[in-house]
Amino acid sequence: MFNYPEAQSYCESMNSIVTGLETTEERDFIANTGVANLGSDYPQFAGFWVSGVRKSECYAERWESISFCTGIDMQQFTFSDNYLTNYAGYTWDQDQPNRDKVGVWQNCIQMWIRNAAKFPNNVNETLANGNVDDAVCEESYYESYQMRGFACGKVAENPDGAM
């Protein structure tokens, strides 16, 4: 289990960063890889960290008066993935992001890993595999699920002499 700072540290140790979700295809690849890698023994839901940390002004006093801090506006987050130009892969779960509705600010973005084959009644369009949610950055364990992974990424390299 990993919290967001641990995910960042691990990615950095691999000369990469916590990756963003540029497209729905990229989101689906990460989500489906998560289902495959976790196998059949993981609980009903799991979370993977992806790039996105809420800006401090969006959880400071009177944050509601800042237009981009409300709703699903992606400007309320900073992204470690500096190559991210499109946020199409960030599909929010129903009623998300919900900021501090659980009593503590949820300032990082997690991706839900949901196995539709294992739990067909609990995976649907509004609760899809790969949807995102805001979560507490320092947490890795919740009563109903665990943060089981993260997605690292880096710019493709062109080896010497390759065309």
Protein backbone atom coordinates (compact mmCIF):
# COMPACT_ATOMS: atom_id res chain seq x y z
CA MET A 1 0.00 0.00 0.00
CA PHE A 2 1.26 3.45 -0.88
CA ASN A 3 0.39 7.03 -0.05
CA TYR A 4 0.93 9.78 -2.62
CA PRO A 5 4.35 10.95 -1.31
CA GLU A 6 5.58 7.33 -1.40
CA ALA A 7 4.31 6.96 -4.97
CA GLN A 8 6.15 10.15 -5.96
CA SER A 9 9.37 8.95 -4.34
CA TYR A 10 9.22 5.58 -6.04
CA CYS A 11 8.57 7.09 -9.47
CA GLU A 12 11.44 9.56 -8.96
CA SER A 13 13.76 6.67 -8.03
CA MET A 14 12.93 5.21 -11.47
CA ASN A 15 13.70 8.56 -13.18
CA SER A 16 10.01 9.08 -13.87
CA ILE A 17 7.02 10.94 -12.40
CA VAL A 18 3.50 10.07 -11.29
CA THR A 19 1.82 10.16 -14.69
CA GLY A 20 -1.23 12.04 -15.83
CA LEU A 21 -4.14 10.76 -17.90
CA GLU A 22 -3.92 12.51 -21.27
CA THR A 23 -6.54 10.40 -23.06
CA THR A 24 -9.28 7.91 -22.27
CA GLU A 25 -7.16 5.25 -24.02
CA GLU A 26 -4.29 5.95 -21.62
CA ARG A 27 -6.70 5.84 -18.66
CA ASP A 28 -8.19 2.54 -19.84
CA PHE A 29 -4.73 1.02 -20.36
CA ILE A 30 -3.64 1.90 -16.82
CA ALA A 31 -6.96 0.79 -15.27
CA ASN A 32 -7.06 -2.52 -17.15
CA THR A 33 -3.39 -3.17 -16.37
CA GLY A 34 -4.24 -2.50 -12.72
CA VAL A 35 -7.02 -5.10 -12.77
CA ALA A 36 -4.71 -7.65 -14.43
CA ASN A 37 -1.75 -7.00 -12.11
CA LEU A 38 -3.77 -7.07 -8.90
CA GLY A 39 -5.26 -10.44 -9.80
CA SER A 40 -8.38 -12.02 -8.41
CA ASP A 41 -7.50 -11.73 -4.71
CA TYR A 42 -7.81 -7.98 -4.29
CA PRO A 43 -10.90 -6.51 -2.63
CA GLN A 44 -13.84 -5.07 -4.52
CA PHE A 45 -12.11 -1.73 -5.08
CA ALA A 46 -8.52 -0.56 -5.13
CA GLY A 47 -6.95 2.80 -5.84
CA PHE A 48 -3.95 3.83 -7.92
CA TRP A 49 -2.36 7.26 -7.58
CA VAL A 50 -2.16 9.40 -10.73
CA SER A 51 -0.82 12.92 -11.24
CA GLY A 52 -2.79 15.69 -9.56
CA VAL A 53 -2.44 17.63 -6.30
CA ARG A 54 -4.93 20.35 -5.34
CA LYS A 55 -3.47 23.88 -5.29
CA SER A 56 -3.21 25.39 -1.81
CA GLU A 57 -5.52 28.31 -2.66
CA CYS A 58 -8.22 25.74 -3.43
CA TYR A 59 -8.35 24.49 0.15
CA ALA A 60 -7.53 27.72 1.96
CA GLU A 61 -10.10 29.93 3.63
CA ARG A 62 -12.69 31.26 1.15
CA TRP A 63 -11.64 28.82 -1.58
CA GLU A 64 -15.25 28.81 -2.80
CA SER A 65 -14.78 32.37 -4.11
CA ILE A 66 -12.08 31.23 -6.58
CA SER A 67 -13.89 30.12 -9.72
CA PHE A 68 -11.45 27.39 -10.80
CA CYS A 69 -11.48 25.82 -7.32
CA THR A 70 -15.08 24.66 -7.67
CA GLY A 71 -16.72 21.89 -9.66
CA ILE A 72 -14.55 19.62 -11.77
CA ASP A 73 -12.26 22.36 -13.15
CA MET A 74 -8.83 20.73 -13.54
CA GLN A 75 -7.11 24.09 -12.91
CA GLN A 76 -7.61 23.44 -9.19
CA PHE A 77 -4.79 20.86 -9.41
CA THR A 78 -1.09 20.97 -10.21
CA PHE A 79 0.37 18.06 -12.13
CA SER A 80 3.78 16.43 -11.85
CA ASP A 81 3.29 15.34 -15.47
CA ASN A 82 4.47 18.49 -17.26
CA TYR A 83 3.65 16.95 -20.65
CA LEU A 84 -0.04 16.75 -19.82
CA THR A 85 -1.91 19.07 -22.20
CA ASN A 86 -5.32 17.43 -22.21
CA TYR A 87 -7.31 16.10 -19.27
CA ALA A 88 -9.61 13.79 -21.25
CA GLY A 89 -8.45 10.75 -19.28
CA TYR A 90 -9.67 12.24 -16.02
CA THR A 91 -13.26 11.02 -15.78
CA TRP A 92 -14.60 11.85 -12.34
CA ASP A 93 -16.69 9.39 -10.37
CA GLN A 94 -20.23 10.49 -9.58
CA ASP A 95 -20.34 13.47 -7.14
CA GLN A 96 -16.56 13.91 -7.30
CA PRO A 97 -14.35 15.68 -6.51
CA ASN A 98 -15.88 16.16 -3.08
CA ARG A 99 -12.96 18.00 -1.47
CA ASP A 100 -13.47 17.90 2.33
CA LYS A 101 -16.84 16.18 2.54
CA VAL A 102 -15.34 13.32 4.58
CA GLY A 103 -14.06 15.73 7.26
CA VAL A 104 -10.52 16.06 5.93
CA TRP A 105 -9.27 17.59 2.69
CA GLN A 106 -8.75 15.10 -0.13
CA ASN A 107 -6.11 16.88 -2.20
CA CYS A 108 -4.63 14.16 -4.43
CA ILE A 109 -6.15 12.30 -7.37
CA GLN A 110 -6.61 8.54 -7.32
CA MET A 111 -7.83 6.23 -10.06
CA TRP A 112 -10.35 3.56 -9.13
CA ILE A 113 -9.42 0.01 -10.07
CA ARG A 114 -12.67 -1.93 -10.33
CA ASN A 115 -12.98 -5.46 -11.66
CA ALA A 116 -16.26 -5.59 -13.60
CA ALA A 117 -15.90 -9.34 -14.19
CA LYS A 118 -15.62 -10.00 -10.45
CA PHE A 119 -18.18 -7.43 -9.28
CA PRO A 120 -20.60 -6.80 -12.18
CA ASN A 121 -23.27 -5.22 -9.96
CA ASN A 122 -20.88 -2.59 -8.58
CA VAL A 123 -19.15 -1.43 -11.76
CA ASN A 124 -21.17 0.72 -14.14
CA GLU A 125 -21.01 3.97 -16.11
CA THR A 126 -20.98 6.21 -13.04
CA LEU A 127 -18.64 3.91 -11.10
CA ALA A 128 -16.41 2.72 -13.94
CA ASN A 129 -12.99 1.11 -13.81
CA GLY A 130 -10.52 3.97 -14.32
CA ASN A 131 -12.70 6.81 -13.03
CA VAL A 132 -10.93 9.25 -10.72
CA ASP A 133 -11.68 10.60 -7.26
CA ASP A 134 -9.96 12.97 -4.87
CA ALA A 135 -8.33 11.23 -1.90
CA VAL A 136 -6.27 12.10 1.18
CA CYS A 137 -2.65 12.29 -0.02
CA GLU A 138 -1.14 10.78 3.14
CA GLU A 139 -3.53 7.82 3.35
CA SER A 140 -3.04 4.37 1.86
CA TYR A 141 -5.67 2.35 3.72
CA TYR A 142 -9.40 2.94 4.00
CA GLU A 143 -11.99 0.66 5.55
CA SER A 144 -13.46 -0.27 2.17
CA TYR A 145 -10.36 -0.25 -0.06
CA GLN A 146 -6.60 0.24 -0.24
CA MET A 147 -4.25 2.31 -2.35
CA ARG A 148 -2.57 -0.60 -4.10
CA GLY A 149 -0.46 1.14 -6.72
CA PHE A 150 0.42 4.13 -8.82
CA ALA A 151 1.24 4.93 -12.42
CA CYS A 152 4.71 6.23 -13.28
CA GLY A 153 5.60 7.67 -16.65
CA LYS A 154 8.44 9.34 -18.48
CA VAL A 155 9.21 10.71 -21.89
CA ALA A 156 10.13 8.06 -24.43
CA GLU A 157 13.83 7.93 -25.16
CA ASN A 158 15.48 7.44 -28.50
CA PRO A 159 18.49 5.13 -27.99
CA ASP A 160 21.70 6.18 -29.71
CA GLY A 161 21.61 5.23 -33.36
CA ALA A 162 17.92 4.33 -33.42
CA MET A 163 15.77 5.75 -36.17
